[in-house]
Structures are given as C-alpha cells and as structure tokens.
C-alpha cells in the first residue's frame, strides 16, 4: 500500500489538531500579557531610592496624590511638612512658593524624592509652571469641558498632552469635586457669617470653628473644604476678592489656632455673589449670604474599621 494515498488525509489531520490547539495557546498568551500590563500600571518606588520624574496629577486623597508619567505608569507621592512646593523660574530662579493645598488634579508637576517602605515616593521637591497651575485651578473651580481644558494644556507640555487629556477625562467622569464624591462622607458643616465688606472673624464665628476643629481631632483621613461667599453689594471683582479673603481667614484660624495641617485643606475658593442662599434684596438675606461654608469630609474607605474573617471550626 502506497503512502501517497494517505498523504492528504495525514496533512488534514495535522491541520485540524493545530487549529483546535491554537485558540487555547493564543488565549493563554493574551491572558498572560493582560495580567502583566495590569501589574505594570501602578509602579512601586524602591525604599530609599532617589527618583525624579514628571507627570500629571490624576487623583489626590489627603496628603497622598497619584501621578501618571508619559509612559502611563502611575506613582503614589506622599506630601510632608518638609516638602518644598514652588514654580519654575522667578527672581534669581527661586520660584514662587505654593501651599500644599494647591496640588490639584490635572496639574503637571516635576517631583523629586525618595521611596519609603510602602512603595510611595516621599516628595522633597515639587515644581511646576505658573501657567499649568492657573489651568489646574480653573479646571478645579469650574469643572469646565474637557475640550477647553485640552486647549489650555496644548502647547505647554506637548509630550504630556495625551496623558493629561486622558487624566482629565477620567477626573471629570469619576472624580468630581471632592464634596460630591461617593467615596467621602460629610461629617460636619458649619457656615460662619461676616459683617458687610469685612473678612474678620467674629467671636461667634470663632466659636463655631472651634467646635468643628474639636471634632476633627479624632477623625481619620479627613479633609476640610472652605468656600467663601458675599452678598450682591459691590462689583463682581470686589466680591470675588472679598469672598476669597473670607475663606483664607477661616483657613488661617483653623491652621494657626488649632494646628490643623494645611495639607488637610482643599484649596479654598471664593465664589463672590454667585451662590446666594437667601434673597439679596433684603437685609436679612444679605446677612445670610455674607458667609463661609466649611465642610469636614472623611474618606469612607479609609475610615471604615478593618473587617475580620470568621475563624474556621
């Protein structure tokens, strides 16, 4: 019997076996690659290792924020009281100092520091451009369209444009303003009022803030959101300036008198007369609108007690 008679059948069987095995092999390779890609998203910084990199802030939780570099790798950065936060350039290249509360989502930063035992980068220096800070502040205050944010970012950091656009889209879709996040619970709300054209805290206002500060002492993973407001008296420019001065007065009182670290404050914002809670045509209504709203918010996930698994019999 000649082998040539069975040659077509033999080849067909071999091809059938290869076709049946190929999907499983390819699926295994694909699943392995996907697992590796997921593991490479969040990078851990070796303990004691000195690192310096540039990226965009995509999220912040109290004194820890996440930064994404141009390779789309994420790092967790820890802010301490010793962290130096400045802009590039300035007089004698000294730069302009900024408080820790101004590290906002969407801000492009250059970070230098060393790794800790948790794989985070403990920041010694944080640097950024003044124009990038203005863009990030506008985005945080207005939550404007993503397209407008992309236009403001264009031309400033071309190599990070795609990363910034992706991060801003994620911020808008998932992380709206901190007070609206599902991951946060509002623990305390205080509204202190002011006299006309004044940003000076009254004794009554200080007493209200004292009560709030006493509740913050025992809280974990808390932040404080401060928003200043005015009545309709005066020009828009004057009201925006006055409302921010009132918000700053509250932050200063809580930080100096009660030693609450500045990193616990969300960037204070002045809204002028845009968010009235009462009728500005009456004296009583205007009195209610001359206020600063203070919210103490706590991260829901970090504040929950640790769960213990049931012991097996």
C-alpha atoms as a PDB file:
ATOM      1  CA  UNK A   1       0.000   0.000   0.000  1.00  0.00           C
ATOM      2  CA  UNK A   2       1.497   3.367  -1.026  1.00  0.00           C
ATOM      3  CA  UNK A   3       1.989   6.149   1.488  1.00  0.00           C
ATOM      4  CA  UNK A   4       0.933   8.707  -1.110  1.00  0.00           C
ATOM      5  CA  UNK A   5      -2.692   7.528  -0.845  1.00  0.00           C
ATOM      6  CA  UNK A   6      -2.802   8.589   2.855  1.00  0.00           C
ATOM      7  CA  UNK A   7      -0.740  11.780   2.499  1.00  0.00           C
ATOM      8  CA  UNK A   8      -3.725  14.166   2.033  1.00  0.00           C
ATOM      9  CA  UNK A   9      -5.572  12.602   4.979  1.00  0.00           C
ATOM     10  CA  UNK A  10      -2.453  12.870   7.203  1.00  0.00           C
ATOM     11  CA  UNK A  11      -1.948  16.529   6.363  1.00  0.00           C
ATOM     12  CA  UNK A  12      -5.620  17.271   7.043  1.00  0.00           C
ATOM     13  CA  UNK A  13      -5.458  15.672  10.495  1.00  0.00           C
ATOM     14  CA  UNK A  14      -2.366  17.655  11.410  1.00  0.00           C
ATOM     15  CA  UNK A  15      -4.009  20.927  10.347  1.00  0.00           C
ATOM     16  CA  UNK A  16      -7.147  20.102  12.335  1.00  0.00           C
ATOM     17  CA  UNK A  17      -5.094  19.500  15.500  1.00  0.00           C
ATOM     18  CA  UNK A  18      -3.227  22.786  15.024  1.00  0.00           C
ATOM     19  CA  UNK A  19      -6.460  24.730  14.537  1.00  0.00           C
ATOM     20  CA  UNK A  20      -8.018  23.249  17.688  1.00  0.00           C
ATOM     21  CA  UNK A  21      -4.925  23.936  19.831  1.00  0.00           C
ATOM     22  CA  UNK A  22      -4.160  27.471  18.536  1.00  0.00           C
ATOM     23  CA  UNK A  23      -7.016  29.345  20.332  1.00  0.00           C
ATOM     24  CA  UNK A  24      -6.042  27.921  23.705  1.00  0.00           C
ATOM     25  CA  UNK A  25      -2.390  28.821  23.210  1.00  0.00           C
ATOM     26  CA  UNK A  26      -3.183  32.313  21.935  1.00  0.00           C
ATOM     27  CA  UNK A  27      -5.687  32.842  24.745  1.00  0.00           C
ATOM     28  CA  UNK A  28      -3.100  31.860  27.325  1.00  0.00           C
ATOM     29  CA  UNK A  29      -0.557  34.277  25.845  1.00  0.00           C
ATOM     30  CA  UNK A  30      -3.158  37.042  25.703  1.00  0.00           C
ATOM     31  CA  UNK A  31      -4.279  36.480  29.300  1.00  0.00           C
ATOM     32  CA  UNK A  32      -0.652  36.439  30.491  1.00  0.00           C
ATOM     33  CA  UNK A  33       0.099  39.675  28.661  1.00  0.00           C
ATOM     34  CA  UNK A  34      -3.046  41.360  30.063  1.00  0.00           C
ATOM     35  CA  UNK A  35      -2.076  40.329  33.600  1.00  0.00           C
ATOM     36  CA  UNK A  36       1.407  41.716  33.113  1.00  0.00           C
ATOM     37  CA  UNK A  37       0.050  45.004  31.721  1.00  0.00           C
ATOM     38  CA  UNK A  38      -2.253  45.439  34.703  1.00  0.00           C
ATOM     39  CA  UNK A  39       0.614  44.802  37.098  1.00  0.00           C
ATOM     40  CA  UNK A  40       2.736  47.435  35.384  1.00  0.00           C
ATOM     41  CA  UNK A  41       0.186  50.266  35.731  1.00  0.00           C
ATOM     42  CA  UNK A  42       0.955  51.211  39.362  1.00  0.00           C
ATOM     43  CA  UNK A  43       4.701  51.394  39.964  1.00  0.00           C
ATOM     44  CA  UNK A  44       6.313  50.922  43.363  1.00  0.00           C
ATOM     45  CA  UNK A  45       9.310  53.064  44.306  1.00  0.00           C
ATOM     46  CA  UNK A  46      12.121  51.068  45.991  1.00  0.00           C
ATOM     47  CA  UNK A  47      12.658  52.027  49.621  1.00  0.00           C
ATOM     48  CA  UNK A  48      15.421  54.628  49.914  1.00  0.00           C
ATOM     49  CA  UNK A  49      15.785  55.034  46.148  1.00  0.00           C
ATOM     50  CA  UNK A  50      16.057  58.633  44.921  1.00  0.00           C
ATOM     51  CA  UNK A  51      13.808  59.380  41.937  1.00  0.00           C
ATOM     52  CA  UNK A  52      12.857  62.385  39.841  1.00  0.00           C
ATOM     53  CA  UNK A  53      10.104  62.283  37.241  1.00  0.00           C
ATOM     54  CA  UNK A  54       7.435  64.397  35.563  1.00  0.00           C
ATOM     55  CA  UNK A  55       3.739  63.697  35.095  1.00  0.00           C
ATOM     56  CA  UNK A  56       0.173  64.828  35.646  1.00  0.00           C
ATOM     57  CA  UNK A  57      -1.747  64.594  38.940  1.00  0.00           C
ATOM     58  CA  UNK A  58      -4.751  62.314  38.352  1.00  0.00           C
ATOM     59  CA  UNK A  59      -6.088  61.977  41.917  1.00  0.00           C
ATOM     60  CA  UNK A  60      -5.487  63.145  45.469  1.00  0.00           C
ATOM     61  CA  UNK A  61      -6.507  61.780  48.859  1.00  0.00           C
ATOM     62  CA  UNK A  62      -5.464  63.953  51.825  1.00  0.00           C
ATOM     63  CA  UNK A  63      -1.629  64.059  51.825  1.00  0.00           C
ATOM     64  CA  UNK A  64      -1.156  61.421  49.086  1.00  0.00           C
ATOM     65  CA  UNK A  65      -1.642  62.040  45.373  1.00  0.00           C
ATOM     66  CA  UNK A  66      -1.205  59.831  42.302  1.00  0.00           C
ATOM     67  CA  UNK A  67       0.892  60.996  39.360  1.00  0.00           C
ATOM     68  CA  UNK A  68       0.947  59.493  35.844  1.00  0.00           C
ATOM     69  CA  UNK A  69       4.075  59.908  33.715  1.00  0.00           C
ATOM     70  CA  UNK A  70       4.433  59.961  29.938  1.00  0.00           C
ATOM     71  CA  UNK A  71       4.694  56.140  29.811  1.00  0.00           C
ATOM     72  CA  UNK A  72       1.284  55.947  31.581  1.00  0.00           C
ATOM     73  CA  UNK A  73       2.841  54.467  34.709  1.00  0.00           C
ATOM     74  CA  UNK A  74       1.277  55.635  37.981  1.00  0.00           C
ATOM     75  CA  UNK A  75       3.168  56.519  41.162  1.00  0.00           C
ATOM     76  CA  UNK A  76       1.894  57.452  44.605  1.00  0.00           C
ATOM     77  CA  UNK A  77       3.523  60.583  46.059  1.00  0.00           C
ATOM     78  CA  UNK A  78       3.429  61.485  49.756  1.00  0.00           C
ATOM     79  CA  UNK A  79       3.437  65.164  50.798  1.00  0.00           C
ATOM     80  CA  UNK A  80       5.000  66.072  54.139  1.00  0.00           C
ATOM     81  CA  UNK A  81       5.501  69.308  56.041  1.00  0.00           C
ATOM     82  CA  UNK A  82       9.075  69.382  54.673  1.00  0.00           C
ATOM     83  CA  UNK A  83       8.028  69.185  51.021  1.00  0.00           C
ATOM     84  CA  UNK A  84       9.142  72.250  49.016  1.00  0.00           C
ATOM     85  CA  UNK A  85       6.461  73.326  46.533  1.00  0.00           C
ATOM     86  CA  UNK A  86       7.431  76.062  44.056  1.00  0.00           C
ATOM     87  CA  UNK A  87       7.078  77.175  40.473  1.00  0.00           C
ATOM     88  CA  UNK A  88       9.934  77.070  37.981  1.00  0.00           C
ATOM     89  CA  UNK A  89      11.954  80.259  37.368  1.00  0.00           C
ATOM     90  CA  UNK A  90      11.193  83.555  39.079  1.00  0.00           C
ATOM     91  CA  UNK A  91      13.592  86.072  40.598  1.00  0.00           C
ATOM     92  CA  UNK A  92      17.080  84.520  40.819  1.00  0.00           C
ATOM     93  CA  UNK A  93      15.401  81.230  39.784  1.00  0.00           C
ATOM     94  CA  UNK A  94      13.999  80.933  43.296  1.00  0.00           C
ATOM     95  CA  UNK A  95      10.439  80.337  42.112  1.00  0.00           C
ATOM     96  CA  UNK A  96       7.163  81.211  43.801  1.00  0.00           C
ATOM     97  CA  UNK A  97       6.117  79.169  46.840  1.00  0.00           C
ATOM     98  CA  UNK A  98       2.700  77.499  46.944  1.00  0.00           C
ATOM     99  CA  UNK A  99       0.891  75.804  49.839  1.00  0.00           C
ATOM    100  CA  UNK A 100       0.377  72.039  49.825  1.00  0.00           C
ATOM    101  CA  UNK A 101      -3.351  72.604  49.303  1.00  0.00           C
ATOM    102  CA  UNK A 102      -2.687  73.807  45.741  1.00  0.00           C
ATOM    103  CA  UNK A 103      -1.606  70.399  44.398  1.00  0.00           C
ATOM    104  CA  UNK A 104      -4.680  69.851  42.215  1.00  0.00           C
ATOM    105  CA  UNK A 105      -5.896  67.155  39.878  1.00  0.00           C
ATOM    106  CA  UNK A 106      -4.792  67.929  36.323  1.00  0.00           C
ATOM    107  CA  UNK A 107      -1.633  69.816  37.388  1.00  0.00           C
ATOM    108  CA  UNK A 108       1.564  68.848  35.540  1.00  0.00           C
ATOM    109  CA  UNK A 109       4.381  68.557  38.090  1.00  0.00           C
ATOM    110  CA  UNK A 110       8.022  67.535  38.408  1.00  0.00           C
ATOM    111  CA  UNK A 111       8.606  65.521  41.597  1.00  0.00           C
ATOM    112  CA  UNK A 112      11.865  64.624  43.326  1.00  0.00           C
ATOM    113  CA  UNK A 113      12.194  62.486  46.432  1.00  0.00           C
ATOM    114  CA  UNK A 114      12.942  59.042  47.897  1.00  0.00           C
ATOM    115  CA  UNK A 115      10.930  55.850  48.221  1.00  0.00           C
ATOM    116  CA  UNK A 116       9.509  54.659  51.537  1.00  0.00           C
ATOM    117  CA  UNK A 117       8.633  51.222  52.887  1.00  0.00           C
ATOM    118  CA  UNK A 118       5.143  51.397  51.339  1.00  0.00           C
ATOM    119  CA  UNK A 119       6.462  51.947  47.819  1.00  0.00           C
ATOM    120  CA  UNK A 120       5.448  55.604  47.796  1.00  0.00           C
ATOM    121  CA  UNK A 121       7.693  58.496  46.766  1.00  0.00           C
ATOM    122  CA  UNK A 122       8.186  60.863  49.714  1.00  0.00           C
ATOM    123  CA  UNK A 123       8.422  64.220  47.935  1.00  0.00           C
ATOM    124  CA  UNK A 124      11.312  66.537  48.791  1.00  0.00           C
ATOM    125  CA  UNK A 125      10.609  68.942  45.905  1.00  0.00           C
ATOM    126  CA  UNK A 126       7.589  69.591  43.703  1.00  0.00           C
ATOM    127  CA  UNK A 127       7.965  72.002  40.791  1.00  0.00           C
ATOM    128  CA  UNK A 128       5.539  73.169  38.091  1.00  0.00           C
ATOM    129  CA  UNK A 129       4.853  76.019  35.706  1.00  0.00           C
ATOM    130  CA  UNK A 130       2.755  79.012  36.742  1.00  0.00           C
ATOM    131  CA  UNK A 131       0.631  78.626  33.603  1.00  0.00           C
ATOM    132  CA  UNK A 132      -0.091  74.971  34.428  1.00  0.00           C
ATOM    133  CA  UNK A 133      -1.191  75.976  37.947  1.00  0.00           C
ATOM    134  CA  UNK A 134      -3.638  78.541  36.551  1.00  0.00           C
ATOM    135  CA  UNK A 135      -5.078  75.912  34.206  1.00  0.00           C
ATOM    136  CA  UNK A 136      -5.474  73.382  37.032  1.00  0.00           C
ATOM    137  CA  UNK A 137      -7.123  75.962  39.330  1.00  0.00           C
ATOM    138  CA  UNK A 138      -9.590  76.931  36.627  1.00  0.00           C
ATOM    139  CA  UNK A 139     -10.456  73.287  35.992  1.00  0.00           C
ATOM    140  CA  UNK A 140     -10.926  72.511  39.687  1.00  0.00           C
ATOM    141  CA  UNK A 141     -13.081  75.587  40.328  1.00  0.00           C
ATOM    142  CA  UNK A 142     -15.256  75.477  37.193  1.00  0.00           C
ATOM    143  CA  UNK A 143     -15.169  71.798  36.170  1.00  0.00           C
ATOM    144  CA  UNK A 144     -15.195  73.043  32.580  1.00  0.00           C
ATOM    145  CA  UNK A 145     -15.491  70.996  29.405  1.00  0.00           C
ATOM    146  CA  UNK A 146     -12.684  68.570  28.714  1.00  0.00           C
ATOM    147  CA  UNK A 147     -12.135  70.129  25.294  1.00  0.00           C
ATOM    148  CA  UNK A 148     -11.437  73.560  26.805  1.00  0.00           C
ATOM    149  CA  UNK A 149      -9.011  72.012  29.281  1.00  0.00           C
ATOM    150  CA  UNK A 150      -7.182  70.255  26.464  1.00  0.00           C
ATOM    151  CA  UNK A 151      -6.819  73.557  24.597  1.00  0.00           C
ATOM    152  CA  UNK A 152      -5.317  75.241  27.662  1.00  0.00           C
ATOM    153  CA  UNK A 153      -2.866  72.401  28.063  1.00  0.00           C
ATOM    154  CA  UNK A 154      -1.859  72.366  24.367  1.00  0.00           C
ATOM    155  CA  UNK A 155       1.487  73.985  23.662  1.00  0.00           C
ATOM    156  CA  UNK A 156       2.552  73.915  27.321  1.00  0.00           C
ATOM    157  CA  UNK A 157       3.609  70.278  27.607  1.00  0.00           C
ATOM    158  CA  UNK A 158       3.325  68.664  24.175  1.00  0.00           C
ATOM    159  CA  UNK A 159       4.981  65.436  25.262  1.00  0.00           C
ATOM    160  CA  UNK A 160       2.394  65.034  28.061  1.00  0.00           C
ATOM    161  CA  UNK A 161      -0.646  66.218  26.108  1.00  0.00           C
ATOM    162  CA  UNK A 162      -2.126  62.764  25.553  1.00  0.00           C
ATOM    163  CA  UNK A 163      -1.551  61.768  29.185  1.00  0.00           C
ATOM    164  CA  UNK A 164      -3.109  64.985  30.501  1.00  0.00           C
ATOM    165  CA  UNK A 165      -6.146  64.647  28.229  1.00  0.00           C
ATOM    166  CA  UNK A 166      -6.709  61.076  29.402  1.00  0.00           C
ATOM    167  CA  UNK A 167      -6.302  62.030  33.045  1.00  0.00           C
ATOM    168  CA  UNK A 168      -8.701  64.985  32.777  1.00  0.00           C
ATOM    169  CA  UNK A 169     -11.310  62.788  31.137  1.00  0.00           C
ATOM    170  CA  UNK A 170     -11.014  60.308  33.997  1.00  0.00           C
ATOM    171  CA  UNK A 171     -11.178  63.099  36.574  1.00  0.00           C
ATOM    172  CA  UNK A 172     -14.368  64.521  35.086  1.00  0.00           C
ATOM    173  CA  UNK A 173     -16.060  61.132  34.730  1.00  0.00           C
ATOM    174  CA  UNK A 174     -15.037  59.610  38.077  1.00  0.00           C
ATOM    175  CA  UNK A 175     -13.682  62.290  40.438  1.00  0.00           C
ATOM    176  CA  UNK A 176     -15.873  65.388  40.512  1.00  0.00           C
ATOM    177  CA  UNK A 177     -15.341  67.952  43.214  1.00  0.00           C
ATOM    178  CA  UNK A 178     -14.372  66.317  46.497  1.00  0.00           C
ATOM    179  CA  UNK A 179     -17.610  67.272  48.236  1.00  0.00           C
ATOM    180  CA  UNK A 180     -19.617  65.302  45.662  1.00  0.00           C
ATOM    181  CA  UNK A 181     -17.520  62.127  45.669  1.00  0.00           C
ATOM    182  CA  UNK A 182     -19.264  58.938  46.728  1.00  0.00           C
ATOM    183  CA  UNK A 183     -16.055  57.931  48.496  1.00  0.00           C
ATOM    184  CA  UNK A 184     -16.429  60.775  51.010  1.00  0.00           C
ATOM    185  CA  UNK A 185     -18.911  61.356  53.799  1.00  0.00           C
ATOM    186  CA  UNK A 186     -19.676  64.863  55.059  1.00  0.00           C
ATOM    187  CA  UNK A 187     -19.139  64.698  58.831  1.00  0.00           C
ATOM    188  CA  UNK A 188     -19.738  68.334  59.752  1.00  0.00           C
ATOM    189  CA  UNK A 189     -20.988  71.518  58.041  1.00  0.00           C
ATOM    190  CA  UNK A 190     -20.506  74.988  59.514  1.00  0.00           C
ATOM    191  CA  UNK A 191     -21.498  78.347  57.986  1.00  0.00           C
ATOM    192  CA  UNK A 192     -19.933  81.429  59.588  1.00  0.00           C
ATOM    193  CA  UNK A 193     -21.152  84.905  58.646  1.00  0.00           C
ATOM    194  CA  UNK A 194     -19.365  88.253  58.303  1.00  0.00           C
ATOM    195  CA  UNK A 195     -20.150  91.936  58.552  1.00  0.00           C
ATOM    196  CA  UNK A 196     -20.509  93.979  55.353  1.00  0.00           C
ATOM    197  CA  UNK A 197     -17.202  94.475  53.498  1.00  0.00           C
ATOM    198  CA  UNK A 198     -15.367  92.559  56.254  1.00  0.00           C
ATOM    199  CA  UNK A 199     -13.248  89.395  56.297  1.00  0.00           C
ATOM    200  CA  UNK A 200     -12.691  89.478  60.079  1.00  0.00           C
ATOM    201  CA  UNK A 201     -13.986  86.523  62.081  1.00  0.00           C
ATOM    202  CA  UNK A 202     -16.426  87.454  64.837  1.00  0.00           C
ATOM    203  CA  UNK A 203     -16.310  85.767  68.280  1.00  0.00           C
ATOM    204  CA  UNK A 204     -19.405  83.765  67.303  1.00  0.00           C
ATOM    205  CA  UNK A 205     -17.731  82.575  64.113  1.00  0.00           C
ATOM    206  CA  UNK A 206     -14.597  81.529  66.011  1.00  0.00           C
ATOM    207  CA  UNK A 207     -16.713  79.554  68.474  1.00  0.00           C
ATOM    208  CA  UNK A 208     -18.342  77.668  65.571  1.00  0.00           C
ATOM    209  CA  UNK A 209     -14.942  76.865  64.095  1.00  0.00           C
ATOM    210  CA  UNK A 210     -13.663  75.743  67.500  1.00  0.00           C
ATOM    211  CA  UNK A 211     -16.462  73.164  67.646  1.00  0.00           C
ATOM    212  CA  UNK A 212     -15.635  71.876  64.169  1.00  0.00           C
ATOM    213  CA  UNK A 213     -11.921  71.655  64.956  1.00  0.00           C
ATOM    214  CA  UNK A 214     -12.590  69.627  68.111  1.00  0.00           C
ATOM    215  CA  UNK A 215     -14.422  67.027  66.012  1.00  0.00           C
ATOM    216  CA  UNK A 216     -11.558  66.872  63.504  1.00  0.00           C
ATOM    217  CA  UNK A 217      -9.058  65.864  66.203  1.00  0.00           C
ATOM    218  CA  UNK A 218     -10.312  62.283  66.406  1.00  0.00           C
ATOM    219  CA  UNK A 219     -11.126  61.864  62.710  1.00  0.00           C
ATOM    220  CA  UNK A 220      -9.084  59.735  60.294  1.00  0.00           C
ATOM    221  CA  UNK A 221      -8.353  60.620  56.645  1.00  0.00           C
ATOM    222  CA  UNK A 222     -10.334  63.855  56.868  1.00  0.00           C
ATOM    223  CA  UNK A 223     -10.168  66.952  54.691  1.00  0.00           C
ATOM    224  CA  UNK A 224     -11.744  70.384  55.063  1.00  0.00           C
ATOM    225  CA  UNK A 225     -13.423  72.244  52.208  1.00  0.00           C
ATOM    226  CA  UNK A 226     -13.721  76.032  52.579  1.00  0.00           C
ATOM    227  CA  UNK A 227     -15.885  78.195  50.284  1.00  0.00           C
ATOM    228  CA  UNK A 228     -16.299  81.974  50.704  1.00  0.00           C
ATOM    229  CA  UNK A 229     -19.351  83.974  49.592  1.00  0.00           C
ATOM    230  CA  UNK A 230     -20.661  87.568  49.561  1.00  0.00           C
ATOM    231  CA  UNK A 231     -23.931  89.368  49.105  1.00  0.00           C
ATOM    232  CA  UNK A 232     -24.739  91.300  45.913  1.00  0.00           C
ATOM    233  CA  UNK A 233     -23.345  94.622  47.171  1.00  0.00           C
ATOM    234  CA  UNK A 234     -20.388  95.883  45.120  1.00  0.00           C
ATOM    235  CA  UNK A 235     -18.759  94.882  41.846  1.00  0.00           C
ATOM    236  CA  UNK A 236     -18.082  91.310  40.765  1.00  0.00           C
ATOM    237  CA  UNK A 237     -14.307  91.763  41.032  1.00  0.00           C
ATOM    238  CA  UNK A 238     -14.586  93.128  44.564  1.00  0.00           C
ATOM    239  CA  UNK A 239     -16.915  90.327  45.647  1.00  0.00           C
ATOM    240  CA  UNK A 240     -14.668  87.581  44.278  1.00  0.00           C
ATOM    241  CA  UNK A 241     -11.698  89.098  46.086  1.00  0.00           C
ATOM    242  CA  UNK A 242     -13.612  89.567  49.349  1.00  0.00           C
ATOM    243  CA  UNK A 243     -15.045  86.043  49.283  1.00  0.00           C
ATOM    244  CA  UNK A 244     -11.547  84.562  48.879  1.00  0.00           C
ATOM    245  CA  UNK A 245     -10.262  86.726  51.754  1.00  0.00           C
ATOM    246  CA  UNK A 246     -13.026  85.373  53.975  1.00  0.00           C
ATOM    247  CA  UNK A 247     -12.170  81.784  53.025  1.00  0.00           C
ATOM    248  CA  UNK A 248      -8.467  82.440  53.716  1.00  0.00           C
ATOM    249  CA  UNK A 249      -9.351  83.897  57.131  1.00  0.00           C
ATOM    250  CA  UNK A 250     -11.103  80.638  58.083  1.00  0.00           C
ATOM    251  CA  UNK A 251      -8.180  78.503  56.898  1.00  0.00           C
ATOM    252  CA  UNK A 252      -5.695  80.679  58.794  1.00  0.00           C
ATOM    253  CA  UNK A 253      -7.711  80.472  62.013  1.00  0.00           C
ATOM    254  CA  UNK A 254      -8.031  76.678  61.877  1.00  0.00           C
ATOM    255  CA  UNK A 255      -4.371  76.198  60.914  1.00  0.00           C
ATOM    256  CA  UNK A 256      -2.861  78.619  63.444  1.00  0.00           C
ATOM    257  CA  UNK A 257      -5.224  78.239  66.380  1.00  0.00           C
ATOM    258  CA  UNK A 258      -5.976  74.519  66.097  1.00  0.00           C
ATOM    259  CA  UNK A 259      -2.789  73.345  64.326  1.00  0.00           C
ATOM    260  CA  UNK A 260      -4.652  71.615  61.501  1.00  0.00           C
ATOM    261  CA  UNK A 261      -2.022  70.876  58.777  1.00  0.00           C
ATOM    262  CA  UNK A 262      -2.513  72.800  55.540  1.00  0.00           C
ATOM    263  CA  UNK A 263      -2.443  69.561  53.555  1.00  0.00           C
ATOM    264  CA  UNK A 264      -5.804  68.715  55.151  1.00  0.00           C
ATOM    265  CA  UNK A 265      -7.497  71.639  53.364  1.00  0.00           C
ATOM    266  CA  UNK A 266      -8.989  71.508  49.896  1.00  0.00           C
ATOM    267  CA  UNK A 267      -7.885  74.655  48.035  1.00  0.00           C
ATOM    268  CA  UNK A 268     -10.017  77.494  49.499  1.00  0.00           C
ATOM    269  CA  UNK A 269     -12.280  79.098  46.907  1.00  0.00           C
ATOM    270  CA  UNK A 270     -14.108  82.417  46.718  1.00  0.00           C
ATOM    271  CA  UNK A 271     -17.386  82.366  44.788  1.00  0.00           C
ATOM    272  CA  UNK A 272     -18.342  86.012  45.164  1.00  0.00           C
ATOM    273  CA  UNK A 273     -22.108  86.505  44.956  1.00  0.00           C
ATOM    274  CA  UNK A 274     -22.701  83.595  42.557  1.00  0.00           C
ATOM    275  CA  UNK A 275     -24.093  81.124  45.114  1.00  0.00           C
ATOM    276  CA  UNK A 276     -26.563  83.066  47.227  1.00  0.00           C
ATOM    277  CA  UNK A 277     -28.661  81.098  49.717  1.00  0.00           C
ATOM    278  CA  UNK A 278     -31.064  83.924  50.514  1.00  0.00           C
ATOM    279  CA  UNK A 279     -32.738  86.939  48.899  1.00  0.00           C
ATOM    280  CA  UNK A 280     -30.219  89.751  48.338  1.00  0.00           C
ATOM    281  CA  UNK A 281     -32.979  92.365  48.197  1.00  0.00           C
ATOM    282  CA  UNK A 282     -33.482  92.164  51.983  1.00  0.00           C
ATOM    283  CA  UNK A 283     -31.065  92.979  54.793  1.00  0.00           C
ATOM    284  CA  UNK A 284     -31.656  89.588  56.414  1.00  0.00           C
ATOM    285  CA  UNK A 285     -30.974  87.773  53.142  1.00  0.00           C
ATOM    286  CA  UNK A 286     -27.766  89.696  52.509  1.00  0.00           C
ATOM    287  CA  UNK A 287     -26.610  88.861  56.042  1.00  0.00           C
ATOM    288  CA  UNK A 288     -27.043  85.136  55.332  1.00  0.00           C
ATOM    289  CA  UNK A 289     -25.144  85.408  52.049  1.00  0.00           C
ATOM    290  CA  UNK A 290     -22.067  87.026  53.660  1.00  0.00           C
ATOM    291  CA  UNK A 291     -20.721  83.664  54.762  1.00  0.00           C
ATOM    292  CA  UNK A 292     -18.068  80.964  54.532  1.00  0.00           C
ATOM    293  CA  UNK A 293     -19.232  77.356  54.254  1.00  0.00           C
ATOM    294  CA  UNK A 294     -16.877  74.887  55.964  1.00  0.00           C
ATOM    295  CA  UNK A 295     -17.255  71.139  55.427  1.00  0.00           C
ATOM    296  CA  UNK A 296     -15.299  68.392  57.156  1.00  0.00           C
ATOM    297  CA  UNK A 297     -15.287  65.359  54.882  1.00  0.00           C
ATOM    298  CA  UNK A 298     -13.898  61.899  55.641  1.00  0.00           C
ATOM    299  CA  UNK A 299     -12.765  59.230  53.210  1.00  0.00           C
ATOM    300  CA  UNK A 300     -15.321  56.451  53.523  1.00  0.00           C
ATOM    301  CA  UNK A 301     -12.987  53.604  52.626  1.00  0.00           C
ATOM    302  CA  UNK A 302     -10.119  54.609  54.923  1.00  0.00           C
ATOM    303  CA  UNK A 303     -12.456  55.418  57.801  1.00  0.00           C
ATOM    304  CA  UNK A 304     -14.158  52.026  57.874  1.00  0.00           C
ATOM    305  CA  UNK A 305     -12.982  49.623  60.572  1.00  0.00           C
ATOM    306  CA  UNK A 306     -10.991  46.637  59.396  1.00  0.00           C
ATOM    307  CA  UNK A 307     -13.099  43.523  58.904  1.00  0.00           C
ATOM    308  CA  UNK A 308     -12.029  40.233  60.434  1.00  0.00           C
ATOM    309  CA  UNK A 309     -12.616  36.955  58.680  1.00  0.00           C
ATOM    310  CA  UNK A 310     -14.575  34.303  60.519  1.00  0.00           C
ATOM    311  CA  UNK A 311     -12.466  31.532  62.023  1.00  0.00           C
ATOM    312  CA  UNK A 312     -12.975  28.094  60.624  1.00  0.00           C
ATOM    313  CA  UNK A 313     -14.085  25.366  63.007  1.00  0.00           C
END
